[in-house]
Amino acid sequence: MTYENLDAKLVNSLLSNGRASLRSLGDELDVSVTTVSNHLRDLEDEGVIRGYTPIVDYDKLGYDVTAVLQLKVEGSALPDVTEKLRQEKQMVSVYEVTGDYDVIAIGKFTDTDGMNEQIKSILTDADIRESNTSVVLNPVTENEQFDLDLNEE
């Protein structure tokens, strides 16, 4: 039995069904449950797989306002600002970026008043020099993951 691309195949299977049992994964990949378990443990230990969580549709839970914040930050304060944003409850993504802005943060809110209040609170930080906020009109795609390429010849 060859295990070429087994880790990628295992990741792809879990992307399709994160709740799959070790037995069903073994059957699908034509390997033993022990092999699946060992490879899965290695992927977790290496940080490739960091957990198993549901994909939540925040819109259906009332968080139907999405805001994209672009921030210019004092250079030395960048780690502090990104850490504060990361700790904000409703910020679902925070990125350090290149370009005109230093940080892009994406937040989910129940209404524009709540969004406005939280953004104003964030902008009181003296290390934020400039900001631009956009409200998402229509999320075309969110939280998408993609299958890994398999190097099969």
Protein backbone atom coordinates (compact mmCIF):
# COMPACT_ATOMS: atom_id res chain seq x y z
CA MET A 1 0.00 0.00 0.00
CA THR A 2 1.41 3.41 -1.00
CA TYR A 3 0.76 6.42 1.20
CA GLU A 4 1.63 9.01 -1.44
CA ASN A 5 -0.50 12.11 -0.91
CA LEU A 6 -2.23 10.43 2.05
CA ASP A 7 -2.05 13.55 4.22
CA ALA A 8 -3.51 15.74 1.45
CA LYS A 9 -6.22 13.16 0.76
CA LEU A 10 -7.00 13.00 4.48
CA VAL A 11 -7.27 16.80 4.71
CA ASN A 12 -9.51 16.89 1.62
CA SER A 13 -11.77 14.21 3.13
CA LEU A 14 -12.05 16.17 6.36
CA LEU A 15 -12.84 19.35 4.42
CA SER A 16 -15.78 17.49 2.90
CA ASN A 17 -16.89 16.05 6.24
CA GLY A 18 -15.14 17.22 9.40
CA ARG A 19 -17.23 14.79 11.46
CA ALA A 20 -16.14 11.68 9.56
CA SER A 21 -15.14 8.73 11.72
CA LEU A 22 -11.68 7.20 11.56
CA ARG A 23 -13.24 4.04 10.13
CA SER A 24 -15.06 5.88 7.34
CA LEU A 25 -11.90 7.84 6.52
CA GLY A 26 -9.92 4.59 6.39
CA ASP A 27 -12.50 3.03 4.08
CA GLU A 28 -12.55 6.08 1.82
CA LEU A 29 -8.76 6.28 1.62
CA ASP A 30 -8.24 2.50 1.52
CA VAL A 31 -5.97 2.45 4.59
CA SER A 32 -6.31 1.09 8.12
CA VAL A 33 -7.93 3.00 10.96
CA THR A 34 -4.52 2.98 12.71
CA THR A 35 -2.88 4.62 9.69
CA VAL A 36 -5.59 7.30 9.57
CA SER A 37 -5.26 7.87 13.31
CA ASN A 38 -1.46 8.18 13.14
CA HIS A 39 -1.51 10.57 10.17
CA LEU A 40 -4.29 12.64 11.72
CA ARG A 41 -2.38 12.91 15.01
CA ASP A 42 0.74 14.02 13.10
CA LEU A 43 -1.23 16.66 11.18
CA GLU A 44 -2.67 17.95 14.46
CA ASP A 45 0.74 17.92 16.17
CA GLU A 46 2.27 19.87 13.26
CA GLY A 47 -0.54 22.44 13.44
CA VAL A 48 -1.83 21.64 9.94
CA ILE A 49 -5.20 20.76 11.46
CA ARG A 50 -5.91 23.10 14.36
CA GLY A 51 -9.32 21.90 15.39
CA TYR A 52 -12.75 20.84 14.32
CA THR A 53 -15.40 23.52 14.42
CA PRO A 54 -18.79 24.06 12.84
CA ILE A 55 -19.18 26.56 10.03
CA VAL A 56 -21.63 29.07 11.47
CA ASP A 57 -23.97 31.12 9.29
CA TYR A 58 -23.90 34.32 11.34
CA ASP A 59 -26.61 35.90 9.17
CA LYS A 60 -29.08 33.26 10.35
CA LEU A 61 -28.18 34.12 13.96
CA GLY A 62 -28.90 37.81 13.42
CA TYR A 63 -25.35 39.00 12.71
CA ASP A 64 -26.25 40.23 9.24
CA VAL A 65 -24.10 43.38 9.15
CA THR A 66 -20.52 42.80 8.02
CA ALA A 67 -17.98 45.61 8.19
CA VAL A 68 -14.51 45.76 6.65
CA LEU A 69 -12.16 48.08 8.53
CA GLN A 70 -8.98 49.36 6.94
CA LEU A 71 -6.56 50.95 9.38
CA LYS A 72 -3.31 52.89 9.16
CA VAL A 73 -1.32 52.29 12.33
CA GLU A 74 1.80 53.79 13.90
CA GLY A 75 4.53 51.33 12.86
CA SER A 76 5.72 50.19 16.27
CA ALA A 77 2.14 49.82 17.54
CA LEU A 78 1.08 47.35 14.86
CA PRO A 79 1.37 44.23 17.08
CA ASP A 80 -0.60 45.91 19.88
CA VAL A 81 -3.37 47.10 17.57
CA THR A 82 -3.75 43.74 15.84
CA GLU A 83 -3.83 41.94 19.21
CA LYS A 84 -6.56 44.30 20.48
CA LEU A 85 -8.57 43.69 17.31
CA ARG A 86 -8.07 39.93 17.59
CA GLN A 87 -9.57 40.07 21.07
CA GLU A 88 -12.66 42.00 19.95
CA LYS A 89 -15.55 39.57 20.19
CA GLN A 90 -17.11 40.23 16.82
CA MET A 91 -13.96 40.54 14.71
CA VAL A 92 -13.86 37.33 12.68
CA SER A 93 -10.67 38.10 10.73
CA VAL A 94 -7.72 40.42 11.30
CA TYR A 95 -4.92 40.77 8.75
CA GLU A 96 -1.66 42.70 8.59
CA VAL A 97 -1.42 43.77 4.95
CA THR A 98 0.69 45.62 2.44
CA GLY A 99 -0.59 48.62 0.54
CA ASP A 100 -2.19 51.87 1.65
CA TYR A 101 -3.39 50.42 4.96
CA ASP A 102 -1.61 48.33 7.56
CA VAL A 103 -4.51 46.30 8.93
CA ILE A 104 -7.76 44.93 7.56
CA ALA A 105 -10.31 43.61 10.05
CA ILE A 106 -13.66 42.05 9.31
CA GLY A 107 -16.43 42.16 11.88
CA LYS A 108 -19.96 40.76 12.16
CA PHE A 109 -22.70 42.76 13.88
CA THR A 110 -26.41 42.49 14.61
CA ASP A 111 -27.14 46.04 13.50
CA THR A 112 -25.45 49.22 12.34
CA ASP A 113 -25.76 50.84 15.77
CA GLY A 114 -23.75 48.02 17.36
CA MET A 115 -21.25 48.17 14.52
CA ASN A 116 -20.90 51.94 14.86
CA GLU A 117 -20.41 51.70 18.63
CA GLN A 118 -17.70 49.04 18.41
CA ILE A 119 -15.85 50.76 15.56
CA LYS A 120 -15.87 54.09 17.39
CA SER A 121 -14.46 52.33 20.44
CA ILE A 122 -11.68 50.79 18.34
CA LEU A 123 -10.86 54.14 16.73
CA THR A 124 -10.21 55.79 20.10
CA ASP A 125 -6.81 54.07 20.01
CA ALA A 126 -4.25 56.86 19.53
CA ASP A 127 -2.03 54.52 17.50
CA ILE A 128 -4.60 54.36 14.70
CA ARG A 129 -3.78 57.23 12.36
CA GLU A 130 -6.45 56.72 9.73
CA SER A 131 -9.38 54.42 9.03
CA ASN A 132 -11.81 53.49 6.31
CA THR A 133 -14.87 51.36 6.98
CA SER A 134 -16.98 49.62 4.35
CA VAL A 135 -20.25 47.81 4.99
CA VAL A 136 -20.71 44.64 2.96
CA LEU A 137 -23.86 44.78 0.82
CA ASN A 138 -23.85 41.17 -0.36
CA PRO A 139 -21.47 38.43 0.78
CA VAL A 140 -20.88 36.49 -2.41
CA THR A 141 -18.74 33.87 -0.65
CA GLU A 142 -17.48 33.49 2.93
CA ASN A 143 -15.52 30.95 4.94
CA GLU A 144 -14.70 28.91 1.88
CA GLN A 145 -11.95 26.33 2.02
CA PHE A 146 -10.45 24.48 -0.90
CA ASP A 147 -9.20 20.98 -1.55
CA LEU A 148 -5.45 20.54 -1.61
CA ASP A 149 -3.81 19.68 -4.92
CA LEU A 150 -2.71 16.09 -5.19
CA ASN A 151 0.63 15.60 -6.91
CA GLU A 152 -0.36 12.51 -8.83
CA GLU A 153 1.44 11.61 -11.99
